Protein backbone atom coordinates (compact mmCIF):
# COMPACT_ATOMS: atom_id res chain seq x y z
CA MET A 1 -212.70 20.48 -51.25
CA SER A 2 -213.47 18.34 -48.25
CA ARG A 3 -210.00 16.84 -48.32
CA VAL A 4 -208.37 20.27 -48.17
CA VAL A 5 -210.63 21.34 -45.29
CA GLY A 6 -209.99 18.08 -43.44
CA ALA A 7 -206.28 18.54 -43.88
CA GLY A 8 -206.57 22.00 -42.45
CA TYR A 9 -208.32 20.71 -39.35
CA VAL A 10 -205.66 18.03 -38.88
CA ASP A 11 -202.93 20.63 -39.28
CA GLN A 12 -204.51 22.86 -36.61
CA LEU A 13 -204.76 19.99 -34.17
CA ALA A 14 -201.49 18.17 -34.84
CA GLY A 15 -199.23 21.17 -35.67
CA PRO A 16 -198.69 22.54 -32.21
CA SER A 17 -198.09 19.02 -30.83
CA LEU A 18 -195.45 18.30 -33.49
CA VAL A 19 -193.70 21.65 -32.94
CA GLY A 20 -193.70 21.06 -29.18
CA ALA A 21 -192.30 17.55 -29.57
CA ALA A 22 -189.60 18.82 -31.92
CA ALA A 23 -188.77 21.63 -29.47
CA GLY A 24 -187.94 19.05 -26.89
CA LEU A 25 -185.30 17.58 -29.24
CA VAL A 26 -183.77 20.77 -30.75
CA ARG A 27 -183.78 24.50 -30.12
CA LEU A 28 -187.13 26.27 -30.44
CA ASN A 29 -185.81 28.61 -33.15
CA LEU A 30 -184.85 25.65 -35.29
CA THR A 31 -188.18 24.01 -34.62
CA PHE A 32 -190.06 26.80 -36.41
CA VAL A 33 -188.27 25.84 -39.63
CA LEU A 34 -190.44 22.71 -39.79
CA PRO A 35 -193.64 24.44 -40.90
CA PHE A 36 -191.66 26.27 -43.62
CA LEU A 37 -190.21 22.96 -44.84
CA PHE A 38 -193.66 21.39 -44.90
CA CYS A 39 -194.97 24.34 -46.99
CA LEU A 40 -192.11 23.74 -49.44
CA LEU A 41 -192.96 20.06 -49.50
CA GLY A 42 -196.55 20.96 -50.35
CA VAL A 43 -195.43 23.12 -53.29
CA VAL A 44 -193.23 20.26 -54.65
CA ILE A 45 -196.01 17.70 -54.25
CA ALA A 46 -198.58 19.99 -55.87
CA ARG A 47 -196.39 20.26 -58.99
CA ILE A 48 -196.02 16.48 -59.11
CA VAL A 49 -199.72 15.59 -58.75
CA THR A 50 -201.14 18.42 -60.93
CA PRO A 51 -202.27 16.93 -64.25
CA GLU A 52 -200.76 18.42 -67.38
CA GLN A 53 -203.12 20.63 -69.41
CA GLN A 54 -203.68 19.55 -72.97
CA SER A 55 -203.00 22.26 -75.55
CA ALA A 56 -205.60 23.51 -78.00
CA PRO A 57 -205.63 21.95 -81.41
CA ASP A 58 -203.31 23.62 -83.90
CA ALA A 59 -205.15 25.75 -86.41
CA THR A 60 -202.84 24.64 -89.24
CA ALA A 61 -203.35 20.94 -88.50
CA PRO A 62 -205.39 18.94 -91.00
CA GLY A 63 -209.02 18.68 -89.96
CA ALA A 64 -208.89 21.75 -87.74
CA GLU A 65 -211.83 24.09 -88.21
CA ALA A 66 -211.35 27.80 -88.59
CA SER A 67 -213.14 29.50 -85.72
CA SER A 68 -212.75 33.05 -87.03
CA GLU A 69 -215.10 32.60 -90.02
CA VAL A 70 -218.30 34.66 -90.00
CA GLN A 71 -221.37 32.84 -91.18
């Protein structure tokens, strides 16, 4: 949680500076595409670094216990 909050603070401080610097190189309208591209990059990276979930054991597998039995 602290890494996400820290990244948010860095974004708030560095974002306007980066957009301003980019606006000096290209048109301002094109500059506002940068935050959108960074959001897309975050989506791609999140899919890469998210661990895969392990599936539940198969009920037909040997050694699997029946959970629906009433005792």
